[in-house]
Structures are given as structure tokens and as C-alpha cells.
């Protein structure tokens, strides 16, 4: 989810999250600013901010500290995009960082959306967090390398997925 369209109330995402919970549907929130602040209060299953959006929400530039703060504000889990450095996840069960095997040059347009797709597939399949993060990082990298925004390079996905390093964060979530 990104910013609501002009004229749509800022609390729309929060309302949609509450309705999804009532219907038993898992939720992932990907937005910024006030919609993020209000959406987190509705307790989405997963929030996927980038490091700038997370800092805007919490005031902290330390990704781990900011992700913990976002959980205290209501997010059940936070998967923070660290750009070309991968992703950090903080959940009730632990914290992990996933890093691609190398930095890939290309067009970052759509990389965040690709990461969301990887996270959503893992959410729906109830995959372990390290697998979700590896998938998200690999799909994001494959989107960066694709010649057209909105596509991904399957060979790059397979190569990066095999080399993603996921480490458990020693600090408790």
C-alpha cells in the first residue's frame, strides 16, 4: 500500500486493515507519513517501510531500534528495506538481516514492490522468516536488474536467492 489517492481520507489504510482482520485476511502495509502512522495503530501483520520511512515514523535512524519502536506502535512484524544492503526483519520471534551476495547496479524503480511480493508470498505460505527475507531480497535485486520497471530477471533471482546471507540478529526482538 502506498499513499492514498488524492481525496481519500488519511485513515483509509487503517480502516482497511481492521476490516481485513475481521475477515481473517493477513495484511501488509507499505506506505509512509501519516497513513503509516495510522495504519500501524491498526496492527497490520507486516509493515514494509524503507529506512527513511521508518526514521520518519520513529525519529530513529538506527534500523533495529526504529523497527522495534514500530512494533511497539502496533506492527506485528517489520521488514525494513535497507536499499542495496538488503532487509531487516523484527518480529515477536526474533530479528534477522538478509543481505544480497553483492551489490547489483540497475534501475531501482519497482524494487520495493518486488520485495513486497516476496514478503507476501512468504506470509501466505507461512514460510520461516529467513526464507521470506531471502525471497524478498532476491526478488528486489532481480527487479533492479530487469531492463523494464515492473519486471524481474528470473536468472538473477535464482542466482541471488542462492547467495543471500540471512543472519539472526543477536538482540532480542
C-alpha atoms as a PDB file:
ATOM      1  CA  UNK A   1       0.000   0.000   0.000  1.00  0.00           C
ATOM      2  CA  UNK A   2       1.309   3.457  -0.871  1.00  0.00           C
ATOM      3  CA  UNK A   3      -0.151   6.896  -0.222  1.00  0.00           C
ATOM      4  CA  UNK A   4      -3.913   7.069  -0.691  1.00  0.00           C
ATOM      5  CA  UNK A   5      -5.149   8.742  -3.848  1.00  0.00           C
ATOM      6  CA  UNK A   6      -5.995  12.437  -3.586  1.00  0.00           C
ATOM      7  CA  UNK A   7      -9.276  12.919  -1.761  1.00  0.00           C
ATOM      8  CA  UNK A   8      -9.071   9.566   0.053  1.00  0.00           C
ATOM      9  CA  UNK A   9      -9.052  10.028   3.849  1.00  0.00           C
ATOM     10  CA  UNK A  10      -5.655   9.570   5.511  1.00  0.00           C
ATOM     11  CA  UNK A  11      -7.062   6.845   7.795  1.00  0.00           C
ATOM     12  CA  UNK A  12      -8.219   4.638   4.923  1.00  0.00           C
ATOM     13  CA  UNK A  13      -5.418   2.083   5.263  1.00  0.00           C
ATOM     14  CA  UNK A  14      -6.113   1.704   8.986  1.00  0.00           C
ATOM     15  CA  UNK A  15      -9.783   1.046   8.235  1.00  0.00           C
ATOM     16  CA  UNK A  16      -8.917  -1.490   5.524  1.00  0.00           C
ATOM     17  CA  UNK A  17      -6.541  -3.286   7.899  1.00  0.00           C
ATOM     18  CA  UNK A  18      -9.262  -3.536  10.565  1.00  0.00           C
ATOM     19  CA  UNK A  19     -11.723  -4.893   8.003  1.00  0.00           C
ATOM     20  CA  UNK A  20      -9.179  -7.426   6.742  1.00  0.00           C
ATOM     21  CA  UNK A  21      -8.542  -8.609  10.315  1.00  0.00           C
ATOM     22  CA  UNK A  22     -12.279  -9.065  10.843  1.00  0.00           C
ATOM     23  CA  UNK A  23     -12.369 -11.221   7.687  1.00  0.00           C
ATOM     24  CA  UNK A  24      -9.289 -13.240   8.698  1.00  0.00           C
ATOM     25  CA  UNK A  25      -7.158 -11.821   5.870  1.00  0.00           C
ATOM     26  CA  UNK A  26      -3.446 -11.171   6.532  1.00  0.00           C
ATOM     27  CA  UNK A  27      -2.277  -7.600   5.961  1.00  0.00           C
ATOM     28  CA  UNK A  28       0.912  -5.945   4.737  1.00  0.00           C
ATOM     29  CA  UNK A  29       1.226  -2.164   4.921  1.00  0.00           C
ATOM     30  CA  UNK A  30       3.673  -0.324   2.652  1.00  0.00           C
ATOM     31  CA  UNK A  31       3.187   3.435   2.903  1.00  0.00           C
ATOM     32  CA  UNK A  32       4.716   6.445   4.632  1.00  0.00           C
ATOM     33  CA  UNK A  33       3.913   9.525   6.679  1.00  0.00           C
ATOM     34  CA  UNK A  34       0.571   9.873   8.431  1.00  0.00           C
ATOM     35  CA  UNK A  35      -1.036   6.885   6.636  1.00  0.00           C
ATOM     36  CA  UNK A  36       1.829   4.734   8.002  1.00  0.00           C
ATOM     37  CA  UNK A  37       1.413   6.156  11.497  1.00  0.00           C
ATOM     38  CA  UNK A  38      -2.338   5.485  11.499  1.00  0.00           C
ATOM     39  CA  UNK A  39      -2.051   2.159   9.692  1.00  0.00           C
ATOM     40  CA  UNK A  40       0.398   0.741  12.238  1.00  0.00           C
ATOM     41  CA  UNK A  41      -2.059   1.515  15.031  1.00  0.00           C
ATOM     42  CA  UNK A  42      -4.494  -0.912  13.326  1.00  0.00           C
ATOM     43  CA  UNK A  43      -1.945  -3.729  13.930  1.00  0.00           C
ATOM     44  CA  UNK A  44      -1.098  -4.993  10.433  1.00  0.00           C
ATOM     45  CA  UNK A  45       0.590  -8.372  10.239  1.00  0.00           C
ATOM     46  CA  UNK A  46       3.562  -6.840   8.469  1.00  0.00           C
ATOM     47  CA  UNK A  47       4.831  -3.345   7.710  1.00  0.00           C
ATOM     48  CA  UNK A  48       7.445  -2.810   4.957  1.00  0.00           C
ATOM     49  CA  UNK A  49       8.933   0.661   5.244  1.00  0.00           C
ATOM     50  CA  UNK A  50      12.266   1.714   3.803  1.00  0.00           C
ATOM     51  CA  UNK A  51      14.799   3.152   6.233  1.00  0.00           C
ATOM     52  CA  UNK A  52      13.752   6.752   5.526  1.00  0.00           C
ATOM     53  CA  UNK A  53      10.044   5.987   6.089  1.00  0.00           C
ATOM     54  CA  UNK A  54      10.902   4.129   9.287  1.00  0.00           C
ATOM     55  CA  UNK A  55      13.003   7.050  10.539  1.00  0.00           C
ATOM     56  CA  UNK A  56      10.149   9.431   9.695  1.00  0.00           C
ATOM     57  CA  UNK A  57       7.794   7.316  11.769  1.00  0.00           C
ATOM     58  CA  UNK A  58      10.021   6.771  14.800  1.00  0.00           C
ATOM     59  CA  UNK A  59      12.600   9.547  14.736  1.00  0.00           C
ATOM     60  CA  UNK A  60      15.406   6.965  14.908  1.00  0.00           C
ATOM     61  CA  UNK A  61      17.965   6.432  12.148  1.00  0.00           C
ATOM     62  CA  UNK A  62      19.085   3.120  13.664  1.00  0.00           C
ATOM     63  CA  UNK A  63      17.095   0.498  11.711  1.00  0.00           C
ATOM     64  CA  UNK A  64      16.924  -2.055  14.549  1.00  0.00           C
ATOM     65  CA  UNK A  65      15.835   0.492  17.135  1.00  0.00           C
ATOM     66  CA  UNK A  66      13.321   2.028  14.718  1.00  0.00           C
ATOM     67  CA  UNK A  67      11.861  -1.372  13.778  1.00  0.00           C
ATOM     68  CA  UNK A  68      11.433  -2.250  17.450  1.00  0.00           C
ATOM     69  CA  UNK A  69       9.702   1.075  18.002  1.00  0.00           C
ATOM     70  CA  UNK A  70       7.362   0.411  15.049  1.00  0.00           C
ATOM     71  CA  UNK A  71       6.422  -2.912  16.663  1.00  0.00           C
ATOM     72  CA  UNK A  72       5.656  -1.146  19.940  1.00  0.00           C
ATOM     73  CA  UNK A  73       3.369   1.193  17.979  1.00  0.00           C
ATOM     74  CA  UNK A  74       1.328  -1.775  16.700  1.00  0.00           C
ATOM     75  CA  UNK A  75       3.052  -3.524  13.782  1.00  0.00           C
ATOM     76  CA  UNK A  76       3.179  -7.248  14.458  1.00  0.00           C
ATOM     77  CA  UNK A  77       6.301  -7.544  12.290  1.00  0.00           C
ATOM     78  CA  UNK A  78       8.510  -5.022  10.490  1.00  0.00           C
ATOM     79  CA  UNK A  79      10.565  -5.748   7.379  1.00  0.00           C
ATOM     80  CA  UNK A  80      12.656  -2.645   6.746  1.00  0.00           C
ATOM     81  CA  UNK A  81      14.231  -2.225   3.341  1.00  0.00           C
ATOM     82  CA  UNK A  82      17.892  -1.243   3.605  1.00  0.00           C
ATOM     83  CA  UNK A  83      18.214  -0.473  -0.102  1.00  0.00           C
ATOM     84  CA  UNK A  84      21.133  -2.248  -1.768  1.00  0.00           C
ATOM     85  CA  UNK A  85      22.204  -3.584   1.650  1.00  0.00           C
ATOM     86  CA  UNK A  86      19.195  -5.897   1.962  1.00  0.00           C
ATOM     87  CA  UNK A  87      16.466  -6.060   4.560  1.00  0.00           C
ATOM     88  CA  UNK A  88      15.973  -6.239   8.311  1.00  0.00           C
ATOM     89  CA  UNK A  89      13.019  -8.027   9.908  1.00  0.00           C
ATOM     90  CA  UNK A  90      11.946  -7.651  13.518  1.00  0.00           C
ATOM     91  CA  UNK A  91       9.139  -9.898  14.747  1.00  0.00           C
ATOM     92  CA  UNK A  92       7.849 -11.283  18.029  1.00  0.00           C
ATOM     93  CA  UNK A  93      10.024 -14.348  17.378  1.00  0.00           C
ATOM     94  CA  UNK A  94      13.323 -12.667  16.592  1.00  0.00           C
ATOM     95  CA  UNK A  95      15.234 -10.376  14.288  1.00  0.00           C
ATOM     96  CA  UNK A  96      17.085 -11.191  11.073  1.00  0.00           C
ATOM     97  CA  UNK A  97      19.070  -9.341   8.472  1.00  0.00           C
ATOM     98  CA  UNK A  98      19.296 -10.514   4.876  1.00  0.00           C
ATOM     99  CA  UNK A  99      21.999  -9.229   2.536  1.00  0.00           C
ATOM    100  CA  UNK A 100      22.480  -9.910  -1.166  1.00  0.00           C
ATOM    101  CA  UNK A 101      25.754 -11.597  -2.138  1.00  0.00           C
ATOM    102  CA  UNK A 102      26.876  -8.457  -3.984  1.00  0.00           C
ATOM    103  CA  UNK A 103      25.620  -5.020  -4.946  1.00  0.00           C
ATOM    104  CA  UNK A 104      23.747  -5.026  -8.248  1.00  0.00           C
ATOM    105  CA  UNK A 105      23.579  -1.980 -10.489  1.00  0.00           C
ATOM    106  CA  UNK A 106      20.380  -1.180 -12.334  1.00  0.00           C
ATOM    107  CA  UNK A 107      17.081   0.635 -12.084  1.00  0.00           C
ATOM    108  CA  UNK A 108      15.683   0.581  -8.521  1.00  0.00           C
ATOM    109  CA  UNK A 109      12.180   1.528  -9.702  1.00  0.00           C
ATOM    110  CA  UNK A 110       9.883  -1.241  -8.517  1.00  0.00           C
ATOM    111  CA  UNK A 111      12.448  -2.887  -6.235  1.00  0.00           C
ATOM    112  CA  UNK A 112      10.378  -2.128  -3.139  1.00  0.00           C
ATOM    113  CA  UNK A 113       7.244  -3.529  -4.740  1.00  0.00           C
ATOM    114  CA  UNK A 114       9.184  -6.656  -5.706  1.00  0.00           C
ATOM    115  CA  UNK A 115      10.329  -7.042  -2.097  1.00  0.00           C
ATOM    116  CA  UNK A 116       6.689  -6.739  -1.004  1.00  0.00           C
ATOM    117  CA  UNK A 117       5.760  -9.548  -3.416  1.00  0.00           C
ATOM    118  CA  UNK A 118       8.454 -11.760  -1.902  1.00  0.00           C
ATOM    119  CA  UNK A 119       7.289 -10.975   1.623  1.00  0.00           C
ATOM    120  CA  UNK A 120       3.632 -11.557   0.760  1.00  0.00           C
ATOM    121  CA  UNK A 121       4.312 -14.936  -0.786  1.00  0.00           C
ATOM    122  CA  UNK A 122       6.150 -15.940   2.389  1.00  0.00           C
ATOM    123  CA  UNK A 123       3.347 -14.565   4.564  1.00  0.00           C
ATOM    124  CA  UNK A 124       0.682 -16.512   2.696  1.00  0.00           C
ATOM    125  CA  UNK A 125       2.776 -19.706   2.731  1.00  0.00           C
ATOM    126  CA  UNK A 126       3.722 -19.165   6.389  1.00  0.00           C
ATOM    127  CA  UNK A 127       7.383 -19.613   5.438  1.00  0.00           C
ATOM    128  CA  UNK A 128      10.058 -19.125   8.113  1.00  0.00           C
ATOM    129  CA  UNK A 129      11.293 -15.533   8.358  1.00  0.00           C
ATOM    130  CA  UNK A 130      14.766 -16.229   6.961  1.00  0.00           C
ATOM    131  CA  UNK A 131      13.145 -17.679   3.817  1.00  0.00           C
ATOM    132  CA  UNK A 132      10.783 -14.716   3.492  1.00  0.00           C
ATOM    133  CA  UNK A 133      13.667 -12.276   3.710  1.00  0.00           C
ATOM    134  CA  UNK A 134      15.838 -14.192   1.254  1.00  0.00           C
ATOM    135  CA  UNK A 135      12.964 -14.262  -1.216  1.00  0.00           C
ATOM    136  CA  UNK A 136      12.279 -10.537  -0.801  1.00  0.00           C
ATOM    137  CA  UNK A 137      15.933  -9.548  -1.219  1.00  0.00           C
ATOM    138  CA  UNK A 138      16.405 -11.788  -4.267  1.00  0.00           C
ATOM    139  CA  UNK A 139      13.226 -10.600  -5.955  1.00  0.00           C
ATOM    140  CA  UNK A 140      14.117  -6.975  -5.275  1.00  0.00           C
ATOM    141  CA  UNK A 141      17.587  -7.478  -6.782  1.00  0.00           C
ATOM    142  CA  UNK A 142      16.083  -9.239  -9.802  1.00  0.00           C
ATOM    143  CA  UNK A 143      13.763  -6.253 -10.322  1.00  0.00           C
ATOM    144  CA  UNK A 144      16.717  -3.844 -10.192  1.00  0.00           C
ATOM    145  CA  UNK A 145      18.471  -5.842 -12.919  1.00  0.00           C
ATOM    146  CA  UNK A 146      15.418  -6.124 -15.187  1.00  0.00           C
ATOM    147  CA  UNK A 147      15.502  -3.870 -18.245  1.00  0.00           C
ATOM    148  CA  UNK A 148      11.918  -2.668 -17.674  1.00  0.00           C
ATOM    149  CA  UNK A 149      10.402  -1.440 -14.395  1.00  0.00           C
ATOM    150  CA  UNK A 150       7.763  -3.847 -13.117  1.00  0.00           C
ATOM    151  CA  UNK A 151       9.550  -6.930 -14.426  1.00  0.00           C
ATOM    152  CA  UNK A 152      12.220  -9.134 -12.894  1.00  0.00           C
ATOM    153  CA  UNK A 153      15.089 -11.211 -14.233  1.00  0.00           C
ATOM    154  CA  UNK A 154      14.460 -14.859 -13.250  1.00  0.00           C
ATOM    155  CA  UNK A 155      18.112 -15.885 -13.703  1.00  0.00           C
ATOM    156  CA  UNK A 156      19.230 -13.069 -11.395  1.00  0.00           C
ATOM    157  CA  UNK A 157      16.536 -14.057  -8.876  1.00  0.00           C
ATOM    158  CA  UNK A 158      17.751 -17.664  -8.788  1.00  0.00           C
ATOM    159  CA  UNK A 159      21.412 -16.610  -8.541  1.00  0.00           C
ATOM    160  CA  UNK A 160      20.846 -14.040  -5.791  1.00  0.00           C
ATOM    161  CA  UNK A 161      18.477 -16.306  -3.840  1.00  0.00           C
ATOM    162  CA  UNK A 162      21.199 -18.949  -3.670  1.00  0.00           C
ATOM    163  CA  UNK A 163      23.662 -16.388  -2.288  1.00  0.00           C
ATOM    164  CA  UNK A 164      21.543 -14.299   0.091  1.00  0.00           C
ATOM    165  CA  UNK A 165      23.047 -14.361   3.554  1.00  0.00           C
ATOM    166  CA  UNK A 166      20.482 -14.279   6.339  1.00  0.00           C
ATOM    167  CA  UNK A 167      21.800 -13.803   9.851  1.00  0.00           C
ATOM    168  CA  UNK A 168      19.842 -13.825  13.061  1.00  0.00           C
ATOM    169  CA  UNK A 169      20.245 -10.613  14.996  1.00  0.00           C
ATOM    170  CA  UNK A 170      21.686 -11.312  18.424  1.00  0.00           C
ATOM    171  CA  UNK A 171      19.458  -8.679  20.021  1.00  0.00           C
ATOM    172  CA  UNK A 172      16.014  -9.880  21.043  1.00  0.00           C
ATOM    173  CA  UNK A 173      13.064  -8.532  19.088  1.00  0.00           C
END
